[in-house]
């Protein structure tokens, strides 16, 4: 037995493609598998979080260069991080 994997985008109608495949000689059966949207949603949430974090960091750097904001030293950052972990 040989299997062929066909990937469809959202524009294609699964029912019509499945019926067309079933008309081919030698096709025993067709099965539809849907991809897990949850993993895609998780990746999109992670990307959005990274983008937002980088934008905040970039804005903070710009404010520091203009003298509107004082950046933390690495020792201050580590102390704050340690305090959060211990809390």
PDB file of N, CA and C in Angstrom:
ATOM      1  N   UNK A   1       0.849  -1.182   0.000  1.00  0.00           N
ATOM      2  CA  UNK A   1       0.000   0.000   0.000  1.00  0.00           C
ATOM      3  C   UNK A   1       0.887   1.235   0.000  1.00  0.00           C
ATOM      4  N   UNK A   2       0.522   2.238  -0.764  1.00  0.00           N
ATOM      5  CA  UNK A   2       1.228   3.511  -0.843  1.00  0.00           C
ATOM      6  C   UNK A   2       0.291   4.604  -0.375  1.00  0.00           C
ATOM      7  N   UNK A   3       0.835   5.558   0.374  1.00  0.00           N
ATOM      8  CA  UNK A   3       0.031   6.675   0.850  1.00  0.00           C
ATOM      9  C   UNK A   3       0.604   7.969   0.297  1.00  0.00           C
ATOM     10  N   UNK A   4      -0.273   8.921   0.018  1.00  0.00           N
ATOM     11  CA  UNK A   4       0.124  10.244  -0.457  1.00  0.00           C
ATOM     12  C   UNK A   4      -0.439  11.271   0.513  1.00  0.00           C
ATOM     13  N   UNK A   5       0.402  12.169   0.945  1.00  0.00           N
ATOM     14  CA  UNK A   5      -0.023  13.235   1.850  1.00  0.00           C
ATOM     15  C   UNK A   5      -0.269  14.484   1.024  1.00  0.00           C
ATOM     16  N   UNK A   6      -1.475  15.038   1.127  1.00  0.00           N
ATOM     17  CA  UNK A   6      -1.855  16.253   0.406  1.00  0.00           C
ATOM     18  C   UNK A   6      -2.148  17.325   1.439  1.00  0.00           C
ATOM     19  N   UNK A   7      -1.495  18.469   1.320  1.00  0.00           N
ATOM     20  CA  UNK A   7      -1.730  19.573   2.245  1.00  0.00           C
ATOM     21  C   UNK A   7      -2.552  20.631   1.523  1.00  0.00           C
ATOM     22  N   UNK A   8      -3.639  21.051   2.149  1.00  0.00           N
ATOM     23  CA  UNK A   8      -4.530  22.036   1.546  1.00  0.00           C
ATOM     24  C   UNK A   8      -4.488  23.331   2.355  1.00  0.00           C
ATOM     25  N   UNK A   9      -4.581  24.440   1.639  1.00  0.00           N
ATOM     26  CA  UNK A   9      -4.710  25.706   2.370  1.00  0.00           C
ATOM     27  C   UNK A   9      -6.181  25.916   2.708  1.00  0.00           C
ATOM     28  N   UNK A  10      -6.475  26.990   3.372  1.00  0.00           N
ATOM     29  CA  UNK A  10      -7.842  27.196   3.815  1.00  0.00           C
ATOM     30  C   UNK A  10      -8.817  27.497   2.687  1.00  0.00           C
ATOM     31  N   UNK A  11      -8.292  27.911   1.522  1.00  0.00           N
ATOM     32  CA  UNK A  11      -9.173  28.231   0.404  1.00  0.00           C
ATOM     33  C   UNK A  11      -9.767  26.980  -0.242  1.00  0.00           C
ATOM     34  N   UNK A  12      -9.065  25.859  -0.153  1.00  0.00           N
ATOM     35  CA  UNK A  12      -9.532  24.626  -0.790  1.00  0.00           C
ATOM     36  C   UNK A  12     -10.624  23.975   0.046  1.00  0.00           C
ATOM     37  N   UNK A  13     -11.634  23.462  -0.634  1.00  0.00           N
ATOM     38  CA  UNK A  13     -12.715  22.765   0.042  1.00  0.00           C
ATOM     39  C   UNK A  13     -12.316  21.303   0.199  1.00  0.00           C
ATOM     40  N   UNK A  14     -12.180  20.860   1.422  1.00  0.00           N
ATOM     41  CA  UNK A  14     -11.728  19.501   1.707  1.00  0.00           C
ATOM     42  C   UNK A  14     -12.662  18.467   1.085  1.00  0.00           C
ATOM     43  N   UNK A  15     -13.941  18.691   1.163  1.00  0.00           N
ATOM     44  CA  UNK A  15     -14.913  17.728   0.643  1.00  0.00           C
ATOM     45  C   UNK A  15     -14.743  17.511  -0.858  1.00  0.00           C
ATOM     46  N   UNK A  16     -14.577  18.603  -1.611  1.00  0.00           N
ATOM     47  CA  UNK A  16     -14.429  18.471  -3.067  1.00  0.00           C
ATOM     48  C   UNK A  16     -13.126  17.763  -3.435  1.00  0.00           C
ATOM     49  N   UNK A  17     -12.049  18.090  -2.764  1.00  0.00           N
ATOM     50  CA  UNK A  17     -10.763  17.453  -3.053  1.00  0.00           C
ATOM     51  C   UNK A  17     -10.836  15.970  -2.704  1.00  0.00           C
ATOM     52  N   UNK A  18     -11.453  15.658  -1.591  1.00  0.00           N
ATOM     53  CA  UNK A  18     -11.572  14.259  -1.175  1.00  0.00           C
ATOM     54  C   UNK A  18     -12.382  13.454  -2.187  1.00  0.00           C
ATOM     55  N   UNK A  19     -13.494  14.023  -2.654  1.00  0.00           N
ATOM     56  CA  UNK A  19     -14.320  13.322  -3.649  1.00  0.00           C
ATOM     57  C   UNK A  19     -13.557  13.117  -4.949  1.00  0.00           C
ATOM     58  N   UNK A  20     -12.769  14.101  -5.354  1.00  0.00           N
ATOM     59  CA  UNK A  20     -11.982  13.978  -6.583  1.00  0.00           C
ATOM     60  C   UNK A  20     -10.945  12.873  -6.445  1.00  0.00           C
ATOM     61  N   UNK A  21     -10.307  12.773  -5.302  1.00  0.00           N
ATOM     62  CA  UNK A  21      -9.309  11.725  -5.073  1.00  0.00           C
ATOM     63  C   UNK A  21      -9.971  10.354  -5.081  1.00  0.00           C
ATOM     64  N   UNK A  22     -11.164  10.242  -4.514  1.00  0.00           N
ATOM     65  CA  UNK A  22     -11.867   8.960  -4.476  1.00  0.00           C
ATOM     66  C   UNK A  22     -12.239   8.468  -5.870  1.00  0.00           C
ATOM     67  N   UNK A  23     -12.362   9.370  -6.856  1.00  0.00           N
ATOM     68  CA  UNK A  23     -12.693   8.985  -8.220  1.00  0.00           C
ATOM     69  C   UNK A  23     -11.521   8.341  -8.954  1.00  0.00           C
ATOM     70  N   UNK A  24     -10.312   8.528  -8.443  1.00  0.00           N
ATOM     71  CA  UNK A  24      -9.138   7.952  -9.085  1.00  0.00           C
ATOM     72  C   UNK A  24      -9.116   6.441  -8.941  1.00  0.00           C
ATOM     73  N   UNK A  25      -8.640   5.752  -9.975  1.00  0.00           N
ATOM     74  CA  UNK A  25      -8.567   4.304  -9.961  1.00  0.00           C
ATOM     75  C   UNK A  25      -7.529   3.856  -8.929  1.00  0.00           C
ATOM     76  N   UNK A  26      -7.878   2.871  -8.137  1.00  0.00           N
ATOM     77  CA  UNK A  26      -6.962   2.293  -7.174  1.00  0.00           C
ATOM     78  C   UNK A  26      -7.014   2.914  -5.787  1.00  0.00           C
ATOM     79  N   UNK A  27      -7.802   3.980  -5.605  1.00  0.00           N
ATOM     80  CA  UNK A  27      -7.899   4.601  -4.280  1.00  0.00           C
ATOM     81  C   UNK A  27      -8.786   3.733  -3.404  1.00  0.00           C
ATOM     82  N   UNK A  28      -8.245   3.279  -2.274  1.00  0.00           N
ATOM     83  CA  UNK A  28      -8.975   2.411  -1.360  1.00  0.00           C
ATOM     84  C   UNK A  28      -9.788   3.244  -0.376  1.00  0.00           C
ATOM     85  N   UNK A  29      -9.164   4.281   0.192  1.00  0.00           N
ATOM     86  CA  UNK A  29      -9.871   5.103   1.163  1.00  0.00           C
ATOM     87  C   UNK A  29      -9.209   6.475   1.243  1.00  0.00           C
ATOM     88  N   UNK A  30      -9.942   7.421   1.793  1.00  0.00           N
ATOM     89  CA  UNK A  30      -9.394   8.757   2.054  1.00  0.00           C
ATOM     90  C   UNK A  30      -9.691   9.119   3.500  1.00  0.00           C
ATOM     91  N   UNK A  31      -8.768   9.802   4.108  1.00  0.00           N
ATOM     92  CA  UNK A  31      -8.933  10.234   5.493  1.00  0.00           C
ATOM     93  C   UNK A  31      -8.484  11.688   5.594  1.00  0.00           C
ATOM     94  N   UNK A  32      -9.206  12.471   6.359  1.00  0.00           N
ATOM     95  CA  UNK A  32      -8.871  13.883   6.543  1.00  0.00           C
ATOM     96  C   UNK A  32      -8.305  14.067   7.949  1.00  0.00           C
ATOM     97  N   UNK A  33      -7.131  14.666   8.017  1.00  0.00           N
ATOM     98  CA  UNK A  33      -6.501  15.005   9.293  1.00  0.00           C
ATOM     99  C   UNK A  33      -6.383  16.518   9.365  1.00  0.00           C
ATOM    100  N   UNK A  34      -6.790  17.076  10.456  1.00  0.00           N
ATOM    101  CA  UNK A  34      -6.649  18.518  10.642  1.00  0.00           C
ATOM    102  C   UNK A  34      -5.424  18.776  11.500  1.00  0.00           C
ATOM    103  N   UNK A  35      -4.683  19.836  11.160  1.00  0.00           N
ATOM    104  CA  UNK A  35      -3.507  20.177  11.954  1.00  0.00           C
ATOM    105  C   UNK A  35      -3.947  20.779  13.280  1.00  0.00           C
ATOM    106  N   UNK A  36      -3.080  20.695  14.241  1.00  0.00           N
ATOM    107  CA  UNK A  36      -3.400  21.229  15.557  1.00  0.00           C
ATOM    108  C   UNK A  36      -3.195  22.739  15.545  1.00  0.00           C
ATOM    109  N   UNK A  37      -4.288  23.462  15.641  1.00  0.00           N
ATOM    110  CA  UNK A  37      -4.206  24.917  15.667  1.00  0.00           C
ATOM    111  C   UNK A  37      -3.612  25.415  16.977  1.00  0.00           C
ATOM    112  N   UNK A  38      -3.673  24.607  18.016  1.00  0.00           N
ATOM    113  CA  UNK A  38      -3.175  25.020  19.326  1.00  0.00           C
ATOM    114  C   UNK A  38      -1.677  25.303  19.285  1.00  0.00           C
ATOM    115  N   UNK A  39      -0.917  24.442  18.595  1.00  0.00           N
ATOM    116  CA  UNK A  39       0.525  24.681  18.516  1.00  0.00           C
ATOM    117  C   UNK A  39       0.817  25.934  17.715  1.00  0.00           C
ATOM    118  N   UNK A  40       0.035  26.192  16.681  1.00  0.00           N
ATOM    119  CA  UNK A  40       0.198  27.402  15.891  1.00  0.00           C
ATOM    120  C   UNK A  40      -0.159  28.635  16.723  1.00  0.00           C
ATOM    121  N   UNK A  41      -1.234  28.552  17.495  1.00  0.00           N
ATOM    122  CA  UNK A  41      -1.638  29.664  18.350  1.00  0.00           C
ATOM    123  C   UNK A  41      -0.571  29.946  19.397  1.00  0.00           C
ATOM    124  N   UNK A  42       0.029  28.883  19.940  1.00  0.00           N
ATOM    125  CA  UNK A  42       1.077  29.053  20.940  1.00  0.00           C
ATOM    126  C   UNK A  42       2.273  29.772  20.334  1.00  0.00           C
ATOM    127  N   UNK A  43       2.659  29.374  19.132  1.00  0.00           N
ATOM    128  CA  UNK A  43       3.792  30.015  18.458  1.00  0.00           C
ATOM    129  C   UNK A  43       3.488  31.485  18.187  1.00  0.00           C
ATOM    130  N   UNK A  44       2.269  31.788  17.773  1.00  0.00           N
ATOM    131  CA  UNK A  44       1.891  33.176  17.519  1.00  0.00           C
ATOM    132  C   UNK A  44       1.900  34.002  18.797  1.00  0.00           C
ATOM    133  N   UNK A  45       1.432  33.402  19.903  1.00  0.00           N
ATOM    134  CA  UNK A  45       1.469  34.115  21.194  1.00  0.00           C
ATOM    135  C   UNK A  45       2.909  34.386  21.609  1.00  0.00           C
ATOM    136  N   UNK A  46       3.789  33.400  21.409  1.00  0.00           N
ATOM    137  CA  UNK A  46       5.193  33.579  21.758  1.00  0.00           C
ATOM    138  C   UNK A  46       5.828  34.671  20.906  1.00  0.00           C
ATOM    139  N   UNK A  47       5.537  34.679  19.618  1.00  0.00           N
ATOM    140  CA  UNK A  47       6.079  35.704  18.739  1.00  0.00           C
ATOM    141  C   UNK A  47       5.595  37.093  19.142  1.00  0.00           C
ATOM    142  N   UNK A  48       4.312  37.200  19.492  1.00  0.00           N
ATOM    143  CA  UNK A  48       3.769  38.484  19.918  1.00  0.00           C
ATOM    144  C   UNK A  48       4.433  38.947  21.210  1.00  0.00           C
ATOM    145  N   UNK A  49       4.678  38.010  22.134  1.00  0.00           N
ATOM    146  CA  UNK A  49       5.331  38.356  23.397  1.00  0.00           C
ATOM    147  C   UNK A  49       6.761  38.850  23.161  1.00  0.00           C
ATOM    148  N   UNK A  50       7.486  38.158  22.297  1.00  0.00           N
ATOM    149  CA  UNK A  50       8.866  38.562  22.001  1.00  0.00           C
ATOM    150  C   UNK A  50       8.875  39.937  21.344  1.00  0.00           C
ATOM    151  N   UNK A  51       7.981  40.150  20.393  1.00  0.00           N
ATOM    152  CA  UNK A  51       7.913  41.448  19.713  1.00  0.00           C
ATOM    153  C   UNK A  51       7.613  42.568  20.712  1.00  0.00           C
ATOM    154  N   UNK A  52       6.631  42.349  21.570  1.00  0.00           N
ATOM    155  CA  UNK A  52       6.254  43.369  22.556  1.00  0.00           C
ATOM    156  C   UNK A  52       7.406  43.632  23.526  1.00  0.00           C
ATOM    157  N   UNK A  53       8.103  42.575  23.946  1.00  0.00           N
ATOM    158  CA  UNK A  53       9.233  42.731  24.864  1.00  0.00           C
ATOM    159  C   UNK A  53      10.364  43.528  24.224  1.00  0.00           C
ATOM    160  N   UNK A  54      10.663  43.216  22.974  1.00  0.00           N
ATOM    161  CA  UNK A  54      11.720  43.946  22.270  1.00  0.00           C
ATOM    162  C   UNK A  54      11.349  45.402  22.042  1.00  0.00           C
ATOM    163  N   UNK A  55      10.078  45.660  21.747  1.00  0.00           N
ATOM    164  CA  UNK A  55       9.629  47.040  21.575  1.00  0.00           C
ATOM    165  C   UNK A  55       9.765  47.820  22.869  1.00  0.00           C
ATOM    166  N   UNK A  56       9.397  47.188  23.996  1.00  0.00           N
ATOM    167  CA  UNK A  56       9.550  47.861  25.291  1.00  0.00           C
ATOM    168  C   UNK A  56      11.017  48.149  25.585  1.00  0.00           C
ATOM    169  N   UNK A  57      11.893  47.180  25.327  1.00  0.00           N
ATOM    170  CA  UNK A  57      13.319  47.362  25.577  1.00  0.00           C
ATOM    171  C   UNK A  57      13.890  48.466  24.697  1.00  0.00           C
ATOM    172  N   UNK A  58      13.485  48.503  23.434  1.00  0.00           N
ATOM    173  CA  UNK A  58      13.963  49.526  22.521  1.00  0.00           C
ATOM    174  C   UNK A  58      13.499  50.910  22.971  1.00  0.00           C
ATOM    175  N   UNK A  59      12.232  51.026  23.379  1.00  0.00           N
ATOM    176  CA  UNK A  59      11.715  52.301  23.883  1.00  0.00           C
ATOM    177  C   UNK A  59      12.466  52.738  25.140  1.00  0.00           C
ATOM    178  N   UNK A  60      12.769  51.785  26.006  1.00  0.00           N
ATOM    179  CA  UNK A  60      13.507  52.094  27.227  1.00  0.00           C
ATOM    180  C   UNK A  60      14.906  52.615  26.889  1.00  0.00           C
ATOM    181  N   UNK A  61      15.548  52.010  25.909  1.00  0.00           N
ATOM    182  CA  UNK A  61      16.878  52.470  25.487  1.00  0.00           C
ATOM    183  C   UNK A  61      16.806  53.885  24.910  1.00  0.00           C
ATOM    184  N   UNK A  62      15.795  54.170  24.109  1.00  0.00           N
ATOM    185  CA  UNK A  62      15.650  55.513  23.539  1.00  0.00           C
ATOM    186  C   UNK A  62      15.433  56.544  24.638  1.00  0.00           C
ATOM    187  N   UNK A  63      14.601  56.219  25.634  1.00  0.00           N
ATOM    188  CA  UNK A  63      14.363  57.151  26.738  1.00  0.00           C
ATOM    189  C   UNK A  63      15.641  57.376  27.536  1.00  0.00           C
ATOM    190  N   UNK A  64      16.423  56.330  27.716  1.00  0.00           N
ATOM    191  CA  UNK A  64      17.683  56.455  28.461  1.00  0.00           C
ATOM    192  C   UNK A  64      18.667  57.345  27.709  1.00  0.00           C
ATOM    193  N   UNK A  65      18.730  57.209  26.407  1.00  0.00           N
ATOM    194  CA  UNK A  65      19.632  58.050  25.607  1.00  0.00           C
ATOM    195  C   UNK A  65      19.228  59.518  25.653  1.00  0.00           C
ATOM    196  N   UNK A  66      17.928  59.780  25.751  1.00  0.00           N
ATOM    197  CA  UNK A  66      17.448  61.164  25.848  1.00  0.00           C
ATOM    198  C   UNK A  66      17.560  61.700  27.272  1.00  0.00           C
ATOM    199  N   UNK A  67      17.933  60.851  28.212  1.00  0.00           N
ATOM    200  CA  UNK A  67      18.070  61.273  29.603  1.00  0.00           C
ATOM    201  C   UNK A  67      16.771  61.261  30.381  1.00  0.00           C
ATOM    202  N   UNK A  68      15.729  60.642  29.835  1.00  0.00           N
ATOM    203  CA  UNK A  68      14.424  60.586  30.501  1.00  0.00           C
ATOM    204  C   UNK A  68      14.321  59.402  31.453  1.00  0.00           C
ATOM    205  N   UNK A  69      15.264  58.491  31.358  1.00  0.00           N
ATOM    206  CA  UNK A  69      15.159  57.254  32.116  1.00  0.00           C
ATOM    207  C   UNK A  69      16.557  56.773  32.463  1.00  0.00           C
ATOM    208  N   UNK A  70      16.736  56.271  33.682  1.00  0.00           N
ATOM    209  CA  UNK A  70      18.035  55.738  34.084  1.00  0.00           C
ATOM    210  C   UNK A  70      17.988  54.221  33.972  1.00  0.00           C
ATOM    211  N   UNK A  71      18.939  53.680  33.241  1.00  0.00           N
ATOM    212  CA  UNK A  71      19.001  52.235  33.061  1.00  0.00           C
ATOM    213  C   UNK A  71      19.565  51.581  34.322  1.00  0.00           C
ATOM    214  N   UNK A  72      19.093  50.361  34.617  1.00  0.00           N
ATOM    215  CA  UNK A  72      19.609  49.596  35.748  1.00  0.00           C
ATOM    216  C   UNK A  72      20.979  49.035  35.392  1.00  0.00           C
ATOM    217  N   UNK A  73      21.802  48.897  36.396  1.00  0.00           N
ATOM    218  CA  UNK A  73      23.064  48.198  36.199  1.00  0.00           C
ATOM    219  C   UNK A  73      22.777  46.704  36.221  1.00  0.00           C
ATOM    220  N   UNK A  74      23.755  45.911  35.800  1.00  0.00           N
ATOM    221  CA  UNK A  74      23.539  44.467  35.816  1.00  0.00           C
ATOM    222  C   UNK A  74      23.373  43.941  37.242  1.00  0.00           C
ATOM    223  N   UNK A  75      24.068  44.560  38.215  1.00  0.00           N
ATOM    224  CA  UNK A  75      23.903  44.137  39.611  1.00  0.00           C
ATOM    225  C   UNK A  75      22.495  44.445  40.123  1.00  0.00           C
ATOM    226  N   UNK A  76      21.962  45.619  39.752  1.00  0.00           N
ATOM    227  CA  UNK A  76      20.597  45.978  40.164  1.00  0.00           C
ATOM    228  C   UNK A  76      19.578  45.024  39.539  1.00  0.00           C
ATOM    229  N   UNK A  77      19.789  44.694  38.281  1.00  0.00           N
ATOM    230  CA  UNK A  77      18.879  43.776  37.601  1.00  0.00           C
ATOM    231  C   UNK A  77      18.891  42.399  38.242  1.00  0.00           C
ATOM    232  N   UNK A  78      20.096  41.884  38.519  1.00  0.00           N
ATOM    233  CA  UNK A  78      20.200  40.558  39.130  1.00  0.00           C
ATOM    234  C   UNK A  78      19.586  40.544  40.529  1.00  0.00           C
ATOM    235  N   UNK A  79      19.773  41.632  41.299  1.00  0.00           N
ATOM    236  CA  UNK A  79      19.173  41.717  42.628  1.00  0.00           C
ATOM    237  C   UNK A  79      17.649  41.721  42.533  1.00  0.00           C
ATOM    238  N   UNK A  80      17.104  42.456  41.554  1.00  0.00           N
ATOM    239  CA  UNK A  80      15.652  42.489  41.371  1.00  0.00           C
ATOM    240  C   UNK A  80      15.127  41.122  40.941  1.00  0.00           C
ATOM    241  N   UNK A  81      15.842  40.466  40.062  1.00  0.00           N
ATOM    242  CA  UNK A  81      15.450  39.150  39.587  1.00  0.00           C
ATOM    243  C   UNK A  81      15.475  38.138  40.738  1.00  0.00           C
ATOM    244  N   UNK A  82      16.527  38.206  41.565  1.00  0.00           N
ATOM    245  CA  UNK A  82      16.643  37.305  42.714  1.00  0.00           C
ATOM    246  C   UNK A  82      15.503  37.537  43.693  1.00  0.00           C
ATOM    247  N   UNK A  83      15.144  38.790  43.930  1.00  0.00           N
ATOM    248  CA  UNK A  83      14.050  39.121  44.849  1.00  0.00           C
ATOM    249  C   UNK A  83      12.720  38.555  44.322  1.00  0.00           C
ATOM    250  N   UNK A  84      12.500  38.596  43.011  1.00  0.00           N
ATOM    251  CA  UNK A  84      11.272  38.062  42.433  1.00  0.00           C
ATOM    252  C   UNK A  84      11.213  36.548  42.579  1.00  0.00           C
ATOM    253  N   UNK A  85      12.347  35.879  42.395  1.00  0.00           N
ATOM    254  CA  UNK A  85      12.407  34.426  42.508  1.00  0.00           C
ATOM    255  C   UNK A  85      12.138  33.985  43.954  1.00  0.00           C
ATOM    256  N   UNK A  86      12.686  34.733  44.902  1.00  0.00           N
ATOM    257  CA  UNK A  86      12.513  34.383  46.310  1.00  0.00           C
ATOM    258  C   UNK A  86      11.128  34.699  46.827  1.00  0.00           C
ATOM    259  N   UNK A  87      10.421  35.592  46.190  1.00  0.00           N
ATOM    260  CA  UNK A  87       9.080  35.993  46.667  1.00  0.00           C
ATOM    261  C   UNK A  87       8.036  34.972  46.350  1.00  0.00           C
TER     262      UNK A  87
END
